[in-house]
Amino acid sequence: MEKEYKKNLISRFITSVAMIIPIVLILTFENIWIFSFVVSFICIIGFYEWIKNNLQDKLIGLFVILNFGLTAIIFVSFIQSELISPYIIFLLVILNTAIFDSFAYIIGSNFGKNKIALHISPNKTYEGLVGGLIVSLFYSYLICKLFNLDFIVVIFLILGCLFAFFGDLFISYYKRKSGIKDTGNFLPGHGGILDRLDSHLIATPLMLLLFSQIL
């Protein structure tokens, strides 16, 4: 058991490092073609996993995944701001969701007692949700200070956490209906692309739409 745990931990670490590469490319070059390729690749694999696992309502899956990809590409293509690059905004939104998701899981796993949606995602707890929101609040405040952004950004990012939570439940609902835990093994130690994309599918497009109104 311990040997398997260490092996999984190593796989997760290697995969996490590999996932940093496209982020570095995006930040370094801020090139729409590189960005579009990365986002399109993620969406194609995500929808492939939806079909491969025979998740129901394929048109809904296609719409949600396509909306995520197109909104991201359109946002970085057309938004112009002297304050902050749209590429950085996109990554800050993604990071906010990842931080919320991670800390909601950590806090919920250690202190969670009150289940939110037992029949859809039994590991989700109110304690984890609140804990994730509190950590995201600190993150949002730091982002505002670092980039000299208006306080409304804090509100946007907290709303993003709630969108992320419902996005996670959305994918969990379809996975549970199909009787699967992970949608694939494309990301060793993490599962499939769709397993990592779940919280971002609804949160990212809505967040980018909100940010487009203030930039």
N, C-alpha and C. Protein backbone atom coordinates (compact mmCIF):
# COMPACT_ATOMS: atom_id res chain seq x y z
N MET A 1 0.83 -1.21 0.00
CA MET A 1 0.00 0.00 0.00
C MET A 1 0.86 1.26 0.00
N GLU A 2 1.89 1.27 0.87
CA GLU A 2 2.77 2.44 0.96
C GLU A 2 3.56 2.62 -0.34
N LYS A 3 4.00 1.48 -0.92
CA LYS A 3 4.75 1.54 -2.17
C LYS A 3 3.89 2.10 -3.29
N GLU A 4 2.63 1.67 -3.33
CA GLU A 4 1.70 2.17 -4.34
C GLU A 4 1.42 3.66 -4.15
N TYR A 5 1.32 4.08 -2.89
CA TYR A 5 1.08 5.50 -2.58
C TYR A 5 2.25 6.35 -3.08
N LYS A 6 3.50 5.88 -2.82
CA LYS A 6 4.68 6.62 -3.25
C LYS A 6 4.76 6.69 -4.77
N LYS A 7 4.41 5.59 -5.43
CA LYS A 7 4.42 5.55 -6.88
C LYS A 7 3.42 6.55 -7.45
N ASN A 8 2.23 6.60 -6.85
CA ASN A 8 1.21 7.54 -7.29
C ASN A 8 1.63 8.98 -7.04
N LEU A 9 2.31 9.19 -5.92
CA LEU A 9 2.79 10.54 -5.57
C LEU A 9 3.82 11.01 -6.59
N ILE A 10 4.72 10.12 -6.99
CA ILE A 10 5.73 10.45 -8.00
C ILE A 10 5.07 10.77 -9.34
N SER A 11 4.07 9.98 -9.70
CA SER A 11 3.34 10.21 -10.95
C SER A 11 2.65 11.57 -10.94
N ARG A 12 2.03 11.89 -9.82
CA ARG A 12 1.35 13.18 -9.69
C ARG A 12 2.34 14.34 -9.80
N PHE A 13 3.53 14.16 -9.20
CA PHE A 13 4.54 15.22 -9.23
C PHE A 13 5.03 15.44 -10.66
N ILE A 14 5.35 14.35 -11.36
CA ILE A 14 5.85 14.46 -12.74
C ILE A 14 4.79 15.10 -13.64
N THR A 15 3.55 14.68 -13.47
CA THR A 15 2.46 15.24 -14.27
C THR A 15 2.28 16.73 -13.98
N SER A 16 2.36 17.10 -12.70
CA SER A 16 2.20 18.51 -12.31
C SER A 16 3.29 19.37 -12.93
N VAL A 17 4.52 18.87 -12.95
CA VAL A 17 5.63 19.60 -13.56
C VAL A 17 5.39 19.75 -15.06
N ALA A 18 4.93 18.67 -15.70
CA ALA A 18 4.67 18.70 -17.14
C ALA A 18 3.57 19.70 -17.48
N MET A 19 2.59 19.84 -16.58
CA MET A 19 1.48 20.76 -16.82
C MET A 19 1.91 22.22 -16.73
N ILE A 20 3.06 22.47 -16.13
CA ILE A 20 3.58 23.83 -16.02
C ILE A 20 4.11 24.33 -17.36
N ILE A 21 4.56 23.40 -18.22
CA ILE A 21 5.18 23.77 -19.49
C ILE A 21 4.28 24.64 -20.37
N PRO A 22 3.02 24.24 -20.64
CA PRO A 22 2.17 25.12 -21.46
C PRO A 22 1.90 26.47 -20.80
N ILE A 23 1.86 26.50 -19.47
CA ILE A 23 1.66 27.77 -18.77
C ILE A 23 2.84 28.70 -19.00
N VAL A 24 4.05 28.14 -18.92
CA VAL A 24 5.26 28.93 -19.17
C VAL A 24 5.27 29.45 -20.61
N LEU A 25 4.89 28.61 -21.56
CA LEU A 25 4.84 29.02 -22.96
C LEU A 25 3.86 30.16 -23.17
N ILE A 26 2.69 30.05 -22.55
CA ILE A 26 1.67 31.09 -22.69
C ILE A 26 2.15 32.42 -22.12
N LEU A 27 2.74 32.38 -20.92
CA LEU A 27 3.21 33.61 -20.27
C LEU A 27 4.42 34.20 -20.99
N THR A 28 5.28 33.34 -21.53
CA THR A 28 6.50 33.82 -22.18
C THR A 28 6.21 34.50 -23.52
N PHE A 29 5.38 33.86 -24.33
CA PHE A 29 5.18 34.36 -25.70
C PHE A 29 3.90 35.17 -25.86
N GLU A 30 2.89 34.92 -25.02
CA GLU A 30 1.59 35.57 -25.15
C GLU A 30 1.15 35.57 -26.61
N ASN A 31 1.22 34.39 -27.21
CA ASN A 31 0.91 34.21 -28.62
C ASN A 31 -0.45 33.52 -28.75
N ILE A 32 -1.33 34.12 -29.55
CA ILE A 32 -2.68 33.59 -29.66
C ILE A 32 -2.71 32.20 -30.28
N TRP A 33 -1.74 31.90 -31.15
CA TRP A 33 -1.72 30.58 -31.79
C TRP A 33 -1.31 29.50 -30.79
N ILE A 34 -0.32 29.78 -29.99
CA ILE A 34 0.09 28.83 -28.95
C ILE A 34 -1.05 28.62 -27.95
N PHE A 35 -1.65 29.74 -27.54
CA PHE A 35 -2.75 29.68 -26.57
C PHE A 35 -3.92 28.87 -27.14
N SER A 36 -4.29 29.17 -28.39
CA SER A 36 -5.42 28.48 -29.02
C SER A 36 -5.14 26.99 -29.17
N PHE A 37 -3.89 26.65 -29.50
CA PHE A 37 -3.53 25.24 -29.65
C PHE A 37 -3.68 24.50 -28.32
N VAL A 38 -3.15 25.10 -27.25
CA VAL A 38 -3.20 24.46 -25.92
C VAL A 38 -4.65 24.28 -25.47
N VAL A 39 -5.45 25.34 -25.59
CA VAL A 39 -6.85 25.28 -25.15
C VAL A 39 -7.65 24.29 -26.01
N SER A 40 -7.43 24.33 -27.33
CA SER A 40 -8.15 23.43 -28.23
C SER A 40 -7.80 21.97 -27.94
N PHE A 41 -6.52 21.71 -27.70
CA PHE A 41 -6.06 20.35 -27.40
C PHE A 41 -6.75 19.83 -26.14
N ILE A 42 -6.81 20.68 -25.11
CA ILE A 42 -7.46 20.30 -23.85
C ILE A 42 -8.94 19.99 -24.07
N CYS A 43 -9.61 20.84 -24.86
CA CYS A 43 -11.04 20.65 -25.11
C CYS A 43 -11.31 19.38 -25.92
N ILE A 44 -10.48 19.11 -26.91
CA ILE A 44 -10.66 17.92 -27.74
C ILE A 44 -10.51 16.65 -26.90
N ILE A 45 -9.46 16.61 -26.08
CA ILE A 45 -9.26 15.44 -25.21
C ILE A 45 -10.41 15.32 -24.20
N GLY A 46 -10.85 16.46 -23.67
CA GLY A 46 -11.95 16.45 -22.70
C GLY A 46 -13.22 15.88 -23.30
N PHE A 47 -13.56 16.30 -24.53
CA PHE A 47 -14.78 15.79 -25.16
C PHE A 47 -14.61 14.33 -25.58
N TYR A 48 -13.40 13.95 -25.98
CA TYR A 48 -13.12 12.54 -26.30
C TYR A 48 -13.39 11.67 -25.07
N GLU A 49 -12.95 12.14 -23.90
CA GLU A 49 -13.19 11.39 -22.67
C GLU A 49 -14.68 11.31 -22.35
N TRP A 50 -15.41 12.37 -22.65
CA TRP A 50 -16.85 12.37 -22.43
C TRP A 50 -17.50 11.25 -23.27
N ILE A 51 -17.10 11.17 -24.55
CA ILE A 51 -17.66 10.15 -25.44
C ILE A 51 -17.18 8.76 -25.05
N LYS A 52 -15.88 8.62 -24.78
CA LYS A 52 -15.28 7.32 -24.46
C LYS A 52 -15.94 6.69 -23.24
N ASN A 53 -16.27 7.52 -22.26
CA ASN A 53 -16.88 7.01 -21.03
C ASN A 53 -18.40 6.91 -21.13
N ASN A 54 -18.90 7.22 -22.34
CA ASN A 54 -20.34 7.11 -22.59
C ASN A 54 -21.16 7.94 -21.60
N LEU A 55 -20.64 9.14 -21.27
CA LEU A 55 -21.40 10.03 -20.41
C LEU A 55 -22.63 10.51 -21.17
N GLN A 56 -23.74 10.65 -20.47
CA GLN A 56 -25.00 11.00 -21.13
C GLN A 56 -24.99 12.46 -21.57
N ASP A 57 -25.99 12.81 -22.41
CA ASP A 57 -26.18 14.19 -22.88
C ASP A 57 -24.92 14.73 -23.54
N LYS A 58 -24.51 14.08 -24.63
CA LYS A 58 -23.27 14.46 -25.31
C LYS A 58 -23.33 15.87 -25.87
N LEU A 59 -24.51 16.31 -26.30
CA LEU A 59 -24.64 17.67 -26.83
C LEU A 59 -24.40 18.71 -25.73
N ILE A 60 -24.87 18.41 -24.52
CA ILE A 60 -24.61 19.31 -23.39
C ILE A 60 -23.11 19.33 -23.10
N GLY A 61 -22.48 18.16 -23.10
CA GLY A 61 -21.04 18.08 -22.88
C GLY A 61 -20.28 18.87 -23.92
N LEU A 62 -20.67 18.71 -25.20
CA LEU A 62 -20.01 19.45 -26.28
C LEU A 62 -20.17 20.95 -26.10
N PHE A 63 -21.39 21.37 -25.76
CA PHE A 63 -21.65 22.81 -25.58
C PHE A 63 -20.80 23.39 -24.45
N VAL A 64 -20.78 22.71 -23.31
CA VAL A 64 -20.06 23.22 -22.14
C VAL A 64 -18.55 23.29 -22.41
N ILE A 65 -18.00 22.24 -23.01
CA ILE A 65 -16.55 22.21 -23.29
C ILE A 65 -16.19 23.21 -24.37
N LEU A 66 -17.03 23.29 -25.42
CA LEU A 66 -16.78 24.24 -26.51
C LEU A 66 -16.90 25.67 -26.01
N ASN A 67 -17.87 25.92 -25.15
CA ASN A 67 -18.04 27.26 -24.57
C ASN A 67 -16.81 27.67 -23.76
N PHE A 68 -16.26 26.73 -23.00
CA PHE A 68 -15.04 26.99 -22.24
C PHE A 68 -13.90 27.41 -23.17
N GLY A 69 -13.67 26.62 -24.22
CA GLY A 69 -12.56 26.89 -25.12
C GLY A 69 -12.72 28.17 -25.92
N LEU A 70 -13.90 28.36 -26.51
CA LEU A 70 -14.12 29.54 -27.35
C LEU A 70 -14.10 30.83 -26.54
N THR A 71 -14.69 30.80 -25.35
CA THR A 71 -14.68 31.99 -24.49
C THR A 71 -13.25 32.40 -24.14
N ALA A 72 -12.42 31.42 -23.80
CA ALA A 72 -11.03 31.70 -23.45
C ALA A 72 -10.28 32.30 -24.63
N ILE A 73 -10.43 31.72 -25.82
CA ILE A 73 -9.71 32.19 -27.01
C ILE A 73 -10.19 33.58 -27.42
N ILE A 74 -11.50 33.80 -27.40
CA ILE A 74 -12.05 35.11 -27.76
C ILE A 74 -11.61 36.17 -26.75
N PHE A 75 -11.58 35.81 -25.48
CA PHE A 75 -11.18 36.76 -24.43
C PHE A 75 -9.76 37.26 -24.66
N VAL A 76 -8.80 36.36 -24.83
CA VAL A 76 -7.41 36.79 -24.98
C VAL A 76 -7.17 37.44 -26.34
N SER A 77 -8.05 37.18 -27.31
CA SER A 77 -7.88 37.75 -28.65
C SER A 77 -8.33 39.20 -28.72
N PHE A 78 -9.38 39.54 -27.98
CA PHE A 78 -9.99 40.85 -28.17
C PHE A 78 -9.90 41.79 -26.98
N ILE A 79 -9.64 41.28 -25.80
CA ILE A 79 -9.55 42.16 -24.63
C ILE A 79 -8.20 42.88 -24.62
N GLN A 80 -8.26 44.19 -24.52
CA GLN A 80 -7.05 45.01 -24.43
C GLN A 80 -7.09 45.79 -23.12
N SER A 81 -6.01 45.73 -22.36
CA SER A 81 -5.96 46.45 -21.09
C SER A 81 -4.54 46.92 -20.81
N GLU A 82 -4.43 48.16 -20.34
CA GLU A 82 -3.12 48.69 -19.97
C GLU A 82 -2.70 48.20 -18.59
N LEU A 83 -3.66 47.73 -17.80
CA LEU A 83 -3.37 47.30 -16.44
C LEU A 83 -2.73 45.91 -16.40
N ILE A 84 -3.30 44.99 -17.17
CA ILE A 84 -2.88 43.59 -17.04
C ILE A 84 -3.21 42.84 -18.33
N SER A 85 -2.33 41.93 -18.71
CA SER A 85 -2.50 41.15 -19.93
C SER A 85 -3.69 40.20 -19.80
N PRO A 86 -4.48 40.02 -20.86
CA PRO A 86 -5.59 39.06 -20.80
C PRO A 86 -5.11 37.63 -20.57
N TYR A 87 -3.89 37.32 -21.00
CA TYR A 87 -3.32 35.99 -20.76
C TYR A 87 -3.12 35.77 -19.25
N ILE A 88 -2.65 36.81 -18.58
CA ILE A 88 -2.44 36.70 -17.13
C ILE A 88 -3.79 36.59 -16.42
N ILE A 89 -4.77 37.37 -16.88
CA ILE A 89 -6.11 37.27 -16.30
C ILE A 89 -6.63 35.84 -16.40
N PHE A 90 -6.48 35.25 -17.58
CA PHE A 90 -6.94 33.87 -17.79
C PHE A 90 -6.26 32.93 -16.79
N LEU A 91 -4.95 33.04 -16.65
CA LEU A 91 -4.22 32.14 -15.76
C LEU A 91 -4.56 32.40 -14.29
N LEU A 92 -4.81 33.66 -13.93
CA LEU A 92 -5.21 33.98 -12.55
C LEU A 92 -6.57 33.36 -12.22
N VAL A 93 -7.47 33.38 -13.20
CA VAL A 93 -8.79 32.76 -13.02
C VAL A 93 -8.65 31.25 -12.85
N ILE A 94 -7.82 30.63 -13.70
CA ILE A 94 -7.57 29.19 -13.61
C ILE A 94 -6.94 28.85 -12.25
N LEU A 95 -5.97 29.67 -11.84
CA LEU A 95 -5.29 29.43 -10.56
C LEU A 95 -6.24 29.58 -9.39
N ASN A 96 -7.13 30.57 -9.46
CA ASN A 96 -8.11 30.77 -8.38
C ASN A 96 -8.98 29.52 -8.20
N THR A 97 -9.45 28.98 -9.31
CA THR A 97 -10.27 27.77 -9.25
C THR A 97 -9.48 26.59 -8.69
N ALA A 98 -8.22 26.46 -9.13
CA ALA A 98 -7.37 25.35 -8.67
C ALA A 98 -7.10 25.45 -7.17
N ILE A 99 -6.86 26.68 -6.69
CA ILE A 99 -6.60 26.89 -5.26
C ILE A 99 -7.85 26.56 -4.44
N PHE A 100 -8.98 27.08 -4.88
CA PHE A 100 -10.24 26.78 -4.19
C PHE A 100 -10.50 25.28 -4.15
N ASP A 101 -10.36 24.64 -5.30
CA ASP A 101 -10.62 23.21 -5.43
C ASP A 101 -9.72 22.40 -4.50
N SER A 102 -8.43 22.75 -4.50
CA SER A 102 -7.45 22.00 -3.71
C SER A 102 -7.70 22.14 -2.21
N PHE A 103 -7.92 23.38 -1.76
CA PHE A 103 -8.10 23.60 -0.33
C PHE A 103 -9.48 23.12 0.15
N ALA A 104 -10.48 23.19 -0.72
CA ALA A 104 -11.78 22.64 -0.35
C ALA A 104 -11.65 21.14 -0.12
N TYR A 105 -10.84 20.49 -0.96
CA TYR A 105 -10.62 19.04 -0.82
C TYR A 105 -9.82 18.73 0.45
N ILE A 106 -8.73 19.47 0.66
CA ILE A 106 -7.86 19.22 1.82
C ILE A 106 -8.62 19.45 3.13
N ILE A 107 -9.29 20.60 3.22
CA ILE A 107 -10.02 20.94 4.46
C ILE A 107 -11.21 20.01 4.65
N GLY A 108 -11.91 19.71 3.56
CA GLY A 108 -13.05 18.81 3.65
C GLY A 108 -12.65 17.40 4.06
N SER A 109 -11.50 16.94 3.55
CA SER A 109 -11.03 15.59 3.87
C SER A 109 -10.64 15.46 5.34
N ASN A 110 -10.09 16.53 5.90
CA ASN A 110 -9.61 16.48 7.28
C ASN A 110 -10.64 16.91 8.32
N PHE A 111 -11.51 17.83 7.94
CA PHE A 111 -12.44 18.38 8.94
C PHE A 111 -13.91 18.27 8.54
N GLY A 112 -14.17 17.82 7.32
CA GLY A 112 -15.55 17.79 6.83
C GLY A 112 -16.42 16.74 7.49
N LYS A 113 -17.60 17.16 7.90
CA LYS A 113 -18.57 16.24 8.52
C LYS A 113 -19.96 16.37 7.87
N ASN A 114 -20.27 17.56 7.40
CA ASN A 114 -21.61 17.81 6.87
C ASN A 114 -21.59 17.76 5.34
N LYS A 115 -22.20 16.73 4.79
CA LYS A 115 -22.21 16.50 3.35
C LYS A 115 -23.13 17.49 2.64
N ILE A 116 -22.72 17.87 1.43
CA ILE A 116 -23.53 18.81 0.65
C ILE A 116 -24.42 18.06 -0.35
N ALA A 117 -23.82 17.17 -1.12
CA ALA A 117 -24.56 16.44 -2.16
C ALA A 117 -24.15 14.98 -2.10
N LEU A 118 -24.66 14.28 -1.13
CA LEU A 118 -24.23 12.91 -0.82
C LEU A 118 -24.38 11.97 -2.01
N HIS A 119 -25.46 12.11 -2.78
CA HIS A 119 -25.73 11.17 -3.86
C HIS A 119 -25.03 11.53 -5.17
N ILE A 120 -24.43 12.72 -5.22
CA ILE A 120 -23.71 13.13 -6.43
C ILE A 120 -22.21 13.09 -6.20
N SER A 121 -21.77 13.74 -5.13
CA SER A 121 -20.35 13.78 -4.80
C SER A 121 -20.21 13.68 -3.29
N PRO A 122 -20.12 12.46 -2.76
CA PRO A 122 -20.16 12.24 -1.31
C PRO A 122 -19.02 12.87 -0.52
N ASN A 123 -17.94 13.26 -1.20
CA ASN A 123 -16.81 13.86 -0.49
C ASN A 123 -16.95 15.37 -0.30
N LYS A 124 -17.95 15.97 -0.94
CA LYS A 124 -18.14 17.41 -0.81
C LYS A 124 -18.80 17.73 0.53
N THR A 125 -18.18 18.65 1.28
CA THR A 125 -18.73 19.04 2.59
C THR A 125 -18.82 20.56 2.69
N TYR A 126 -19.68 21.01 3.60
CA TYR A 126 -19.81 22.45 3.83
C TYR A 126 -18.51 23.02 4.41
N GLU A 127 -17.84 22.23 5.24
CA GLU A 127 -16.58 22.69 5.83
C GLU A 127 -15.53 22.91 4.75
N GLY A 128 -15.47 21.99 3.79
CA GLY A 128 -14.53 22.14 2.69
C GLY A 128 -14.85 23.33 1.82
N LEU A 129 -16.14 23.53 1.54
CA LEU A 129 -16.58 24.66 0.73
C LEU A 129 -16.19 25.98 1.38
N VAL A 130 -16.51 26.13 2.66
CA VAL A 130 -16.18 27.37 3.38
C VAL A 130 -14.68 27.57 3.47
N GLY A 131 -13.94 26.49 3.75
CA GLY A 131 -12.49 26.59 3.84
C GLY A 131 -11.87 27.02 2.53
N GLY A 132 -12.35 26.45 1.42
CA GLY A 132 -11.85 26.83 0.10
C GLY A 132 -12.15 28.29 -0.21
N LEU A 133 -13.33 28.76 0.17
CA LEU A 133 -13.71 30.16 -0.06
C LEU A 133 -12.83 31.11 0.74
N ILE A 134 -12.50 30.74 1.97
CA ILE A 134 -11.65 31.60 2.82
C ILE A 134 -10.25 31.72 2.22
N VAL A 135 -9.69 30.60 1.78
CA VAL A 135 -8.35 30.63 1.17
C VAL A 135 -8.38 31.46 -0.11
N SER A 136 -9.44 31.29 -0.90
CA SER A 136 -9.58 32.06 -2.14
C SER A 136 -9.72 33.55 -1.86
N LEU A 137 -10.33 33.89 -0.74
CA LEU A 137 -10.47 35.30 -0.35
C LEU A 137 -9.10 35.93 -0.14
N PHE A 138 -8.21 35.22 0.55
CA PHE A 138 -6.85 35.71 0.74
C PHE A 138 -6.12 35.83 -0.60
N TYR A 139 -6.28 34.83 -1.44
CA TYR A 139 -5.65 34.85 -2.77
C TYR A 139 -6.14 36.06 -3.57
N SER A 140 -7.45 36.29 -3.55
CA SER A 140 -8.04 37.40 -4.29
C SER A 140 -7.50 38.74 -3.81
N TYR A 141 -7.37 38.88 -2.50
CA TYR A 141 -6.85 40.12 -1.93
C TYR A 141 -5.41 40.36 -2.38
N LEU A 142 -4.60 39.31 -2.36
CA LEU A 142 -3.20 39.43 -2.80
C LEU A 142 -3.11 39.80 -4.27
N ILE A 143 -3.98 39.23 -5.09
CA ILE A 143 -3.99 39.54 -6.52
C ILE A 143 -4.32 41.01 -6.75
N CYS A 144 -5.30 41.52 -6.01
CA CYS A 144 -5.68 42.93 -6.15
C CYS A 144 -4.53 43.85 -5.77
N LYS A 145 -3.82 43.52 -4.69
CA LYS A 145 -2.69 44.32 -4.25
C LYS A 145 -1.53 44.23 -5.25
N LEU A 146 -1.26 43.03 -5.73
CA LEU A 146 -0.13 42.80 -6.61
C LEU A 146 -0.29 43.50 -7.96
N PHE A 147 -1.50 43.47 -8.51
CA PHE A 147 -1.73 44.04 -9.83
C PHE A 147 -2.49 45.36 -9.78
N ASN A 148 -2.70 45.88 -8.57
CA ASN A 148 -3.37 47.17 -8.40
C ASN A 148 -4.76 47.17 -9.06
N LEU A 149 -5.54 46.15 -8.76
CA LEU A 149 -6.87 46.00 -9.34
C LEU A 149 -7.94 46.46 -8.35
N ASP A 150 -9.12 46.77 -8.88
CA ASP A 150 -10.23 47.21 -8.03
C ASP A 150 -10.70 46.08 -7.12
N PHE A 151 -11.32 46.46 -6.02
CA PHE A 151 -11.79 45.47 -5.04
C PHE A 151 -12.86 44.55 -5.62
N ILE A 152 -13.53 45.01 -6.67
CA ILE A 152 -14.58 44.18 -7.27
C ILE A 152 -14.02 42.86 -7.79
N VAL A 153 -12.71 42.84 -8.06
CA VAL A 153 -12.05 41.60 -8.51
C VAL A 153 -12.16 40.52 -7.43
N VAL A 154 -12.08 40.93 -6.17
CA VAL A 154 -12.23 39.98 -5.06
C VAL A 154 -13.61 39.32 -5.14
N ILE A 155 -14.63 40.14 -5.37
CA ILE A 155 -15.99 39.61 -5.48
C ILE A 155 -16.10 38.66 -6.66
N PHE A 156 -15.50 39.05 -7.79
CA PHE A 156 -15.53 38.20 -8.98
C PHE A 156 -14.90 36.83 -8.71
N LEU A 157 -13.74 36.85 -8.06
CA LEU A 157 -13.02 35.59 -7.83
C LEU A 157 -13.75 34.69 -6.82
N ILE A 158 -14.40 35.30 -5.84
CA ILE A 158 -15.19 34.50 -4.90
C ILE A 158 -16.39 33.89 -5.61
N LEU A 159 -17.02 34.68 -6.48
CA LEU A 159 -18.12 34.14 -7.29
C LEU A 159 -17.61 32.99 -8.15
N GLY A 160 -16.38 33.16 -8.65
CA GLY A 160 -15.77 32.11 -9.47
C GLY A 160 -15.65 30.79 -8.73
N CYS A 161 -15.39 30.87 -7.44
CA CYS A 161 -15.30 29.65 -6.62
C CYS A 161 -16.65 28.93 -6.56
N LEU A 162 -17.71 29.70 -6.44
CA LEU A 162 -19.05 29.09 -6.40
C LEU A 162 -19.40 28.48 -7.76
N PHE A 163 -19.02 29.18 -8.83
CA PHE A 163 -19.22 28.62 -10.17
C PHE A 163 -18.43 27.31 -10.31
N ALA A 164 -17.20 27.32 -9.78
CA ALA A 164 -16.34 26.13 -9.86
C ALA A 164 -16.96 24.96 -9.10
N PHE A 165 -17.53 25.26 -7.96
CA PHE A 165 -18.17 24.22 -7.14
C PHE A 165 -19.29 23.54 -7.91
N PHE A 166 -20.13 24.35 -8.57
CA PHE A 166 -21.25 23.78 -9.32
C PHE A 166 -20.76 23.06 -10.58
N GLY A 167 -19.65 23.56 -11.16
CA GLY A 167 -19.06 22.87 -12.30
C GLY A 167 -18.57 21.49 -11.92
N ASP A 168 -17.97 21.40 -10.75
CA ASP A 168 -17.49 20.12 -10.22
C ASP A 168 -18.66 19.15 -10.02
N LEU A 169 -19.73 19.65 -9.42
CA LEU A 169 -20.93 18.82 -9.22
C LEU A 169 -21.54 18.39 -10.55
N PHE A 170 -21.47 19.27 -11.52
CA PHE A 170 -22.02 19.00 -12.85
C PHE A 170 -21.37 17.76 -13.47
N ILE A 171 -20.02 17.72 -13.46
CA ILE A 171 -19.30 16.58 -14.02
C ILE A 171 -19.47 15.35 -13.12
N SER A 172 -19.46 15.57 -11.80
CA SER A 172 -19.63 14.44 -10.87
C SER A 172 -20.97 13.74 -11.09
N TYR A 173 -21.99 14.54 -11.39
CA TYR A 173 -23.32 13.98 -11.65
C TYR A 173 -23.29 13.01 -12.83
N TYR A 174 -22.64 13.43 -13.92
CA TYR A 174 -22.58 12.58 -15.11
C TYR A 174 -21.68 11.37 -14.89
N LYS A 175 -20.58 11.54 -14.15
CA LYS A 175 -19.71 10.40 -13.88
C LYS A 175 -20.43 9.38 -13.00
N ARG A 176 -21.17 9.86 -12.03
CA ARG A 176 -21.88 8.94 -11.13
C ARG A 176 -22.98 8.18 -11.90
N LYS A 177 -23.64 8.86 -12.83
CA LYS A 177 -24.67 8.19 -13.63
C LYS A 177 -24.08 7.09 -14.49
N SER A 178 -22.80 7.28 -14.88
CA SER A 178 -22.13 6.27 -15.71
C SER A 178 -21.35 5.27 -14.88
N GLY A 179 -21.33 5.48 -13.55
CA GLY A 179 -20.66 4.53 -12.66
C GLY A 179 -19.15 4.53 -12.75
N ILE A 180 -18.55 5.70 -13.01
CA ILE A 180 -17.09 5.79 -13.09
C ILE A 180 -16.56 6.81 -12.08
N LYS A 181 -15.30 6.61 -11.69
CA LYS A 181 -14.65 7.53 -10.76
C LYS A 181 -13.80 8.54 -11.51
N ASP A 182 -12.97 8.04 -12.44
CA ASP A 182 -12.12 8.90 -13.26
C ASP A 182 -12.50 8.73 -14.73
N THR A 183 -12.34 9.79 -15.51
CA THR A 183 -12.69 9.73 -16.93
C THR A 183 -11.55 9.21 -17.79
N GLY A 184 -10.38 8.99 -17.20
CA GLY A 184 -9.26 8.47 -17.98
C GLY A 184 -7.98 8.48 -17.16
N ASN A 185 -6.87 8.24 -17.85
CA ASN A 185 -5.55 8.27 -17.19
C ASN A 185 -4.56 9.09 -18.01
N PHE A 186 -5.10 10.08 -18.74
CA PHE A 186 -4.24 10.93 -19.56
C PHE A 186 -3.21 11.66 -18.72
N LEU A 187 -3.61 12.02 -17.50
CA LEU A 187 -2.70 12.70 -16.56
C LEU A 187 -2.39 11.73 -15.43
N PRO A 188 -1.28 11.00 -15.51
CA PRO A 188 -0.95 10.00 -14.48
C PRO A 188 -0.99 10.57 -13.07
N GLY A 189 -1.72 9.89 -12.20
CA GLY A 189 -1.84 10.34 -10.82
C GLY A 189 -2.98 11.33 -10.61
N HIS A 190 -3.52 11.86 -11.72
CA HIS A 190 -4.59 12.85 -11.62
C HIS A 190 -5.89 12.38 -12.26
N GLY A 191 -5.82 11.38 -13.14
CA GLY A 191 -7.00 10.94 -13.86
C GLY A 191 -7.00 11.49 -15.28
N GLY A 192 -8.20 11.78 -15.79
CA GLY A 192 -8.32 12.29 -17.14
C GLY A 192 -8.34 13.81 -17.18
N ILE A 193 -8.28 14.35 -18.40
CA ILE A 193 -8.38 15.80 -18.60
C ILE A 193 -9.69 16.32 -18.01
N LEU A 194 -10.77 15.59 -18.25
CA LEU A 194 -12.08 16.03 -17.78
C LEU A 194 -12.16 16.06 -16.26
N ASP A 195 -11.39 15.19 -15.60
CA ASP A 195 -11.36 15.19 -14.13
C ASP A 195 -10.72 16.46 -13.59
N ARG A 196 -9.79 17.03 -14.33
CA ARG A 196 -9.12 18.25 -13.92
C ARG A 196 -9.84 19.50 -14.43
N LEU A 197 -10.62 19.30 -15.49
CA LEU A 197 -11.29 20.43 -16.13
C LEU A 197 -12.64 20.74 -15.49
N ASP A 198 -13.17 19.79 -14.72
CA ASP A 198 -14.55 19.89 -14.23
C ASP A 198 -14.89 21.22 -13.57
N SER A 199 -14.06 21.65 -12.63
CA SER A 199 -14.34 22.89 -11.89
C SER A 199 -14.21 24.13 -12.77
N HIS A 200 -13.45 24.02 -13.86
CA HIS A 200 -13.17 25.18 -14.71
C HIS A 200 -14.22 25.39 -15.80
N LEU A 201 -14.96 24.35 -16.14
CA LEU A 201 -15.84 24.40 -17.30
C LEU A 201 -16.89 25.50 -17.23
N ILE A 202 -17.49 25.67 -16.07
CA ILE A 202 -18.50 26.72 -15.89
C ILE A 202 -17.87 28.00 -15.35
N ALA A 203 -16.93 27.86 -14.43
CA ALA A 203 -16.33 29.02 -13.77
C ALA A 203 -15.56 29.92 -14.73
N THR A 204 -14.72 29.33 -15.56
CA THR A 204 -13.83 30.14 -16.41
C THR A 204 -14.60 31.03 -17.40
N PRO A 205 -15.54 30.50 -18.19
CA PRO A 205 -16.27 31.39 -19.11
C PRO A 205 -17.01 32.52 -18.40
N LEU A 206 -17.67 32.20 -17.28
CA LEU A 206 -18.41 33.23 -16.56
C LEU A 206 -17.48 34.28 -15.96
N MET A 207 -16.33 33.83 -15.45
CA MET A 207 -15.36 34.76 -14.87
C MET A 207 -14.78 35.68 -15.94
N LEU A 208 -14.44 35.12 -17.09
CA LEU A 208 -13.87 35.93 -18.17
C LEU A 208 -14.89 36.94 -18.67
N LEU A 209 -16.16 36.54 -18.68
CA LEU A 209 -17.22 37.47 -19.08
C LEU A 209 -17.30 38.64 -18.09
N LEU A 210 -17.20 38.35 -16.81
CA LEU A 210 -17.22 39.40 -15.79
C LEU A 210 -16.01 40.33 -15.93
N PHE A 211 -14.84 39.74 -16.12
CA PHE A 211 -13.62 40.55 -16.25
C PHE A 211 -13.66 41.42 -17.51
N SER A 212 -14.30 40.93 -18.55
CA SER A 212 -14.37 41.71 -19.80
C SER A 212 -15.15 43.01 -19.61
N GLN A 213 -15.97 43.08 -18.56
CA GLN A 213 -16.77 44.27 -18.30
C GLN A 213 -16.00 45.36 -17.56
N ILE A 214 -14.86 45.01 -16.97
CA ILE A 214 -14.12 46.01 -16.17
C ILE A 214 -12.74 46.33 -16.74
N LEU A 215 -12.31 45.60 -17.75
CA LEU A 215 -10.98 45.85 -18.32
C LEU A 215 -11.06 46.84 -19.47
